[in-house]
N, C-alpha and C. Protein backbone atom coordinates (compact mmCIF):
# COMPACT_ATOMS: atom_id res chain seq x y z
N MET A 1 254.77 76.96 138.87
CA MET A 1 253.87 76.17 139.69
C MET A 1 252.93 77.09 140.46
N ILE A 2 251.69 76.71 140.52
CA ILE A 2 250.69 77.44 141.29
C ILE A 2 251.02 77.28 142.77
N GLN A 3 251.01 78.36 143.50
CA GLN A 3 251.29 78.32 144.94
C GLN A 3 249.99 78.50 145.71
N LEU A 4 249.24 77.42 145.84
CA LEU A 4 248.01 77.48 146.62
C LEU A 4 248.35 77.78 148.08
N ILE A 5 249.34 77.05 148.59
CA ILE A 5 249.79 77.25 149.96
C ILE A 5 251.27 77.58 149.88
N GLU A 6 251.64 78.71 150.42
CA GLU A 6 253.04 79.11 150.41
C GLU A 6 253.65 78.75 151.76
N TRP A 7 254.81 78.08 151.74
CA TRP A 7 255.49 77.70 152.97
C TRP A 7 255.91 78.95 153.73
N ARG A 8 255.66 78.95 155.02
CA ARG A 8 256.06 80.07 155.88
C ARG A 8 256.81 79.53 157.08
N ASP A 9 257.75 80.30 157.57
CA ASP A 9 258.51 79.87 158.74
C ASP A 9 257.61 79.61 159.94
N GLU A 10 256.50 80.33 160.01
CA GLU A 10 255.60 80.14 161.16
C GLU A 10 254.98 78.75 161.17
N PHE A 11 255.08 78.00 160.07
CA PHE A 11 254.56 76.64 160.02
C PHE A 11 255.49 75.64 160.71
N CYS A 12 256.73 76.05 160.97
CA CYS A 12 257.71 75.14 161.57
C CYS A 12 257.31 74.77 162.99
N THR A 13 257.45 73.50 163.30
CA THR A 13 257.18 73.02 164.66
C THR A 13 258.47 72.87 165.45
N GLY A 14 259.60 72.81 164.74
CA GLY A 14 260.86 72.55 165.42
C GLY A 14 261.16 71.06 165.49
N ILE A 15 260.26 70.24 164.99
CA ILE A 15 260.46 68.79 164.93
C ILE A 15 260.81 68.48 163.48
N ASP A 16 262.08 68.13 163.23
CA ASP A 16 262.58 68.02 161.87
C ASP A 16 261.72 67.13 160.97
N GLY A 17 261.36 65.95 161.42
CA GLY A 17 260.57 65.04 160.59
C GLY A 17 259.20 65.60 160.25
N VAL A 18 258.57 66.24 161.21
CA VAL A 18 257.25 66.84 160.99
C VAL A 18 257.37 68.01 160.02
N ASP A 19 258.36 68.86 160.24
CA ASP A 19 258.53 70.02 159.36
C ASP A 19 258.84 69.59 157.93
N TYR A 20 259.69 68.59 157.77
CA TYR A 20 260.01 68.09 156.43
C TYR A 20 258.74 67.59 155.74
N GLU A 21 257.94 66.80 156.46
CA GLU A 21 256.71 66.27 155.87
C GLU A 21 255.70 67.38 155.57
N HIS A 22 255.65 68.40 156.41
CA HIS A 22 254.76 69.52 156.12
C HIS A 22 255.15 70.19 154.80
N GLU A 23 256.43 70.44 154.63
CA GLU A 23 256.89 71.08 153.40
C GLU A 23 256.60 70.20 152.18
N GLU A 24 256.82 68.89 152.32
CA GLU A 24 256.53 67.97 151.22
C GLU A 24 255.04 67.93 150.90
N LEU A 25 254.20 67.93 151.92
CA LEU A 25 252.76 67.94 151.69
C LEU A 25 252.33 69.20 150.94
N ILE A 26 252.87 70.32 151.34
CA ILE A 26 252.52 71.58 150.66
C ILE A 26 252.97 71.53 149.21
N ARG A 27 254.16 71.02 148.96
CA ARG A 27 254.65 70.90 147.58
C ARG A 27 253.72 69.99 146.77
N HIS A 28 253.35 68.89 147.37
CA HIS A 28 252.48 67.92 146.69
C HIS A 28 251.10 68.53 146.41
N ILE A 29 250.55 69.22 147.38
CA ILE A 29 249.24 69.86 147.20
C ILE A 29 249.32 70.92 146.11
N ASN A 30 250.37 71.73 146.14
CA ASN A 30 250.52 72.76 145.11
C ASN A 30 250.64 72.13 143.73
N SER A 31 251.35 71.02 143.61
CA SER A 31 251.50 70.38 142.30
C SER A 31 250.19 69.76 141.83
N LEU A 32 249.33 69.38 142.75
CA LEU A 32 248.03 68.81 142.41
C LEU A 32 247.24 69.72 141.50
N PHE A 33 247.27 70.99 141.76
CA PHE A 33 246.43 71.92 141.03
C PHE A 33 246.98 72.26 139.64
N GLU A 34 248.20 71.83 139.35
CA GLU A 34 248.70 71.95 137.98
C GLU A 34 248.05 70.91 137.08
N LYS A 35 247.51 69.85 137.67
CA LYS A 35 246.93 68.74 136.92
C LYS A 35 245.42 68.88 136.77
N ALA A 36 244.89 70.03 137.09
CA ALA A 36 243.44 70.22 137.13
C ALA A 36 242.76 69.98 135.78
N HIS A 37 243.50 69.97 134.69
CA HIS A 37 242.90 69.78 133.37
C HIS A 37 242.60 68.31 133.07
N ASP A 38 243.14 67.39 133.84
CA ASP A 38 243.00 65.96 133.57
C ASP A 38 242.31 65.30 134.77
N LYS A 39 241.06 64.91 134.59
CA LYS A 39 240.25 64.40 135.70
C LYS A 39 240.89 63.18 136.37
N GLN A 40 241.33 62.21 135.61
CA GLN A 40 241.89 61.00 136.22
C GLN A 40 243.18 61.30 136.98
N SER A 41 244.02 62.17 136.44
CA SER A 41 245.24 62.56 137.15
C SER A 41 244.89 63.26 138.46
N MET A 42 243.86 64.10 138.42
CA MET A 42 243.42 64.78 139.64
C MET A 42 242.95 63.78 140.68
N ILE A 43 242.13 62.83 140.25
CA ILE A 43 241.63 61.83 141.20
C ILE A 43 242.78 61.04 141.79
N ASN A 44 243.73 60.62 140.96
CA ASN A 44 244.89 59.88 141.45
C ASN A 44 245.71 60.73 142.42
N SER A 45 245.91 61.99 142.08
CA SER A 45 246.69 62.88 142.94
C SER A 45 245.98 63.14 144.27
N ILE A 46 244.68 63.32 144.23
CA ILE A 46 243.93 63.53 145.47
C ILE A 46 244.08 62.31 146.37
N ASN A 47 243.98 61.12 145.78
CA ASN A 47 244.14 59.89 146.56
C ASN A 47 245.55 59.76 147.14
N GLU A 48 246.56 60.16 146.36
CA GLU A 48 247.94 60.13 146.86
C GLU A 48 248.12 61.10 148.02
N ILE A 49 247.56 62.28 147.87
CA ILE A 49 247.67 63.28 148.94
C ILE A 49 246.94 62.80 150.19
N TYR A 50 245.78 62.21 150.00
CA TYR A 50 245.04 61.66 151.14
C TYR A 50 245.92 60.65 151.89
N ALA A 51 246.54 59.73 151.15
CA ALA A 51 247.40 58.71 151.78
C ALA A 51 248.61 59.35 152.45
N GLU A 52 249.20 60.34 151.80
CA GLU A 52 250.36 61.03 152.36
C GLU A 52 249.99 61.76 153.65
N ILE A 53 248.85 62.43 153.64
CA ILE A 53 248.41 63.15 154.84
C ILE A 53 248.08 62.17 155.96
N ALA A 54 247.41 61.07 155.63
CA ALA A 54 247.07 60.07 156.65
C ALA A 54 248.35 59.51 157.29
N GLY A 55 249.36 59.22 156.47
CA GLY A 55 250.63 58.74 157.00
C GLY A 55 251.32 59.77 157.86
N HIS A 56 251.27 61.02 157.44
CA HIS A 56 251.87 62.09 158.23
C HIS A 56 251.19 62.22 159.59
N PHE A 57 249.87 62.08 159.60
CA PHE A 57 249.14 62.19 160.86
C PHE A 57 249.55 61.09 161.82
N VAL A 58 249.86 59.91 161.31
CA VAL A 58 250.33 58.82 162.18
C VAL A 58 251.63 59.26 162.88
N LEU A 59 252.54 59.87 162.14
CA LEU A 59 253.79 60.36 162.73
C LEU A 59 253.51 61.40 163.81
N GLU A 60 252.73 62.41 163.47
CA GLU A 60 252.43 63.46 164.45
C GLU A 60 251.77 62.89 165.70
N GLU A 61 250.81 62.02 165.50
CA GLU A 61 250.06 61.47 166.64
C GLU A 61 250.95 60.60 167.51
N GLN A 62 251.90 59.89 166.91
CA GLN A 62 252.84 59.09 167.70
C GLN A 62 253.74 59.99 168.54
N ILE A 63 254.20 61.07 167.95
CA ILE A 63 255.02 62.03 168.69
C ILE A 63 254.22 62.60 169.86
N MET A 64 252.97 62.97 169.61
CA MET A 64 252.14 63.54 170.67
C MET A 64 251.91 62.53 171.78
N LYS A 65 251.68 61.28 171.43
CA LYS A 65 251.49 60.23 172.45
C LYS A 65 252.77 60.07 173.27
N ASN A 66 253.90 59.99 172.59
CA ASN A 66 255.18 59.81 173.29
C ASN A 66 255.48 60.95 174.25
N GLU A 67 255.06 62.14 173.87
CA GLU A 67 255.32 63.32 174.68
C GLU A 67 254.18 63.63 175.66
N LYS A 68 253.17 62.76 175.67
CA LYS A 68 252.00 62.95 176.54
C LYS A 68 251.41 64.36 176.32
N TYR A 69 251.24 64.68 175.07
CA TYR A 69 250.76 65.98 174.63
C TYR A 69 249.37 66.25 175.19
N ASP A 70 249.18 67.39 175.84
CA ASP A 70 247.95 67.67 176.58
C ASP A 70 246.72 67.91 175.69
N GLN A 71 246.92 68.20 174.43
CA GLN A 71 245.78 68.42 173.53
C GLN A 71 245.74 67.37 172.42
N TYR A 72 246.24 66.20 172.74
CA TYR A 72 246.30 65.11 171.76
C TYR A 72 244.94 64.83 171.13
N GLU A 73 243.92 64.64 171.93
CA GLU A 73 242.62 64.23 171.40
C GLU A 73 242.03 65.30 170.48
N GLU A 74 242.11 66.55 170.87
CA GLU A 74 241.60 67.63 170.02
C GLU A 74 242.36 67.68 168.69
N HIS A 75 243.66 67.52 168.75
CA HIS A 75 244.51 67.55 167.56
C HIS A 75 244.17 66.35 166.66
N ARG A 76 244.03 65.18 167.25
CA ARG A 76 243.69 63.97 166.51
C ARG A 76 242.34 64.12 165.83
N GLN A 77 241.38 64.71 166.52
CA GLN A 77 240.06 64.92 165.92
C GLN A 77 240.13 65.87 164.73
N ASP A 78 240.98 66.88 164.81
CA ASP A 78 241.15 67.80 163.69
C ASP A 78 241.73 67.06 162.49
N HIS A 79 242.67 66.15 162.75
CA HIS A 79 243.22 65.32 161.68
C HIS A 79 242.12 64.48 161.04
N ALA A 80 241.31 63.83 161.85
CA ALA A 80 240.24 62.97 161.34
C ALA A 80 239.24 63.76 160.51
N LYS A 81 238.94 64.97 160.96
CA LYS A 81 237.99 65.81 160.22
C LYS A 81 238.54 66.16 158.84
N LEU A 82 239.82 66.51 158.77
CA LEU A 82 240.39 66.84 157.46
C LEU A 82 240.32 65.64 156.53
N LEU A 83 240.67 64.47 157.02
CA LEU A 83 240.62 63.28 156.17
C LEU A 83 239.20 63.01 155.68
N ASP A 84 238.23 63.17 156.56
CA ASP A 84 236.83 63.01 156.15
C ASP A 84 236.46 64.04 155.09
N ASP A 85 236.85 65.29 155.31
CA ASP A 85 236.53 66.36 154.36
C ASP A 85 237.17 66.10 153.00
N ILE A 86 238.43 65.68 152.99
CA ILE A 86 239.11 65.39 151.72
C ILE A 86 238.38 64.25 151.00
N GLY A 87 238.01 63.22 151.74
CA GLY A 87 237.27 62.11 151.13
C GLY A 87 235.97 62.56 150.51
N ASP A 88 235.23 63.38 151.23
CA ASP A 88 233.95 63.90 150.73
C ASP A 88 234.15 64.75 149.48
N ILE A 89 235.14 65.61 149.51
CA ILE A 89 235.39 66.50 148.38
C ILE A 89 235.89 65.71 147.18
N ALA A 90 236.71 64.69 147.42
CA ALA A 90 237.20 63.84 146.32
C ALA A 90 236.02 63.16 145.63
N GLU A 91 235.08 62.66 146.41
CA GLU A 91 233.89 62.03 145.83
C GLU A 91 233.07 63.04 145.03
N ALA A 92 232.93 64.23 145.56
CA ALA A 92 232.17 65.27 144.86
C ALA A 92 232.89 65.67 143.56
N TYR A 93 234.22 65.73 143.62
CA TYR A 93 235.00 66.08 142.42
C TYR A 93 234.77 65.07 141.30
N GLU A 94 234.70 63.80 141.65
CA GLU A 94 234.46 62.77 140.65
C GLU A 94 233.14 63.00 139.94
N SER A 95 232.18 63.58 140.63
CA SER A 95 230.87 63.84 140.03
C SER A 95 230.82 65.11 139.20
N ASP A 96 231.39 66.22 139.74
CA ASP A 96 231.22 67.49 139.02
C ASP A 96 232.52 68.20 138.65
N GLU A 97 233.65 67.63 139.00
CA GLU A 97 234.96 68.18 138.66
C GLU A 97 235.19 69.60 139.15
N ASP A 98 234.55 69.98 140.24
CA ASP A 98 234.76 71.31 140.81
C ASP A 98 235.87 71.20 141.86
N ILE A 99 237.02 71.69 141.53
CA ILE A 99 238.19 71.58 142.40
C ILE A 99 238.29 72.74 143.38
N THR A 100 237.48 73.77 143.22
CA THR A 100 237.61 74.95 144.08
C THR A 100 237.35 74.63 145.54
N LYS A 101 236.45 73.70 145.83
CA LYS A 101 236.19 73.34 147.23
C LYS A 101 237.43 72.72 147.86
N LEU A 102 238.10 71.85 147.10
CA LEU A 102 239.31 71.22 147.62
C LEU A 102 240.41 72.25 147.80
N GLN A 103 240.57 73.14 146.84
CA GLN A 103 241.58 74.19 146.96
C GLN A 103 241.36 75.02 148.22
N GLN A 104 240.14 75.44 148.44
CA GLN A 104 239.83 76.27 149.60
C GLN A 104 240.03 75.51 150.89
N LEU A 105 239.58 74.26 150.93
CA LEU A 105 239.76 73.43 152.13
C LEU A 105 241.23 73.28 152.48
N MET A 106 242.04 72.93 151.49
CA MET A 106 243.46 72.71 151.74
C MET A 106 244.12 73.98 152.25
N ASN A 107 243.87 75.08 151.60
CA ASN A 107 244.47 76.34 152.03
C ASN A 107 244.02 76.70 153.44
N ASP A 108 242.72 76.73 153.65
CA ASP A 108 242.20 77.13 154.97
C ASP A 108 242.67 76.20 156.07
N TRP A 109 242.60 74.90 155.81
CA TRP A 109 242.93 73.94 156.85
C TRP A 109 244.41 74.01 157.21
N PHE A 110 245.27 73.97 156.21
CA PHE A 110 246.70 73.97 156.53
C PHE A 110 247.12 75.24 157.24
N VAL A 111 246.69 76.37 156.74
CA VAL A 111 247.08 77.63 157.39
C VAL A 111 246.57 77.67 158.83
N GLU A 112 245.31 77.35 159.03
CA GLU A 112 244.74 77.40 160.38
C GLU A 112 245.32 76.32 161.29
N HIS A 113 245.44 75.11 160.78
CA HIS A 113 245.96 74.00 161.59
C HIS A 113 247.41 74.26 162.00
N PHE A 114 248.22 74.74 161.07
CA PHE A 114 249.61 75.04 161.39
C PHE A 114 249.70 76.14 162.44
N LYS A 115 248.86 77.17 162.30
CA LYS A 115 248.92 78.30 163.24
C LYS A 115 248.45 77.91 164.63
N THR A 116 247.54 76.96 164.73
CA THR A 116 246.98 76.62 166.04
C THR A 116 247.56 75.32 166.57
N HIS A 117 247.09 74.22 166.07
CA HIS A 117 247.48 72.91 166.59
C HIS A 117 248.97 72.62 166.45
N ASP A 118 249.51 72.78 165.25
CA ASP A 118 250.90 72.42 165.05
C ASP A 118 251.87 73.41 165.69
N ALA A 119 251.45 74.64 165.83
CA ALA A 119 252.31 75.63 166.51
C ALA A 119 252.58 75.20 167.95
N ARG A 120 251.61 74.56 168.58
CA ARG A 120 251.79 74.08 169.95
C ARG A 120 252.81 72.95 170.00
N LEU A 121 252.95 72.18 168.92
CA LEU A 121 253.95 71.10 168.90
C LEU A 121 255.36 71.67 169.06
N HIS A 122 255.55 72.90 168.62
CA HIS A 122 256.86 73.53 168.72
C HIS A 122 257.34 73.53 170.18
N ARG A 123 256.42 73.69 171.09
CA ARG A 123 256.77 73.75 172.52
C ARG A 123 257.30 72.41 173.03
N ILE A 124 256.77 71.31 172.50
CA ILE A 124 257.25 70.00 173.02
C ILE A 124 258.55 69.58 172.37
N SER A 125 258.97 70.27 171.31
CA SER A 125 260.20 69.90 170.63
C SER A 125 261.43 70.50 171.30
N LYS A 126 261.21 71.36 172.24
CA LYS A 126 262.35 72.05 172.90
C LYS A 126 262.85 71.27 174.08
């Protein structure tokens, strides 16, 4: 399997449900790129990942609300931006089948988001 994003311990938030979903999302994203030879499978997989990520964000945002997380709005906006970006890239992929933009976005976003926004969640889990 292609490892676009490799799971790292530094991605852990200490919140079991969030960490489990993060690992599943990474697995799902990595498996997406094995299907790059079949356009319809790619489109279906991108849509599944979009839905999975959107559902995951609902969980994270509910936890942040419950904990009165001080950077909730900034974190929520980062979530919204990723969903918008994935939607835009999915539409572009349907036109030209260039998956490199999506690969780069997923890698950059997850690594950076985990290191910054989600790393702060670790503090509220203690």
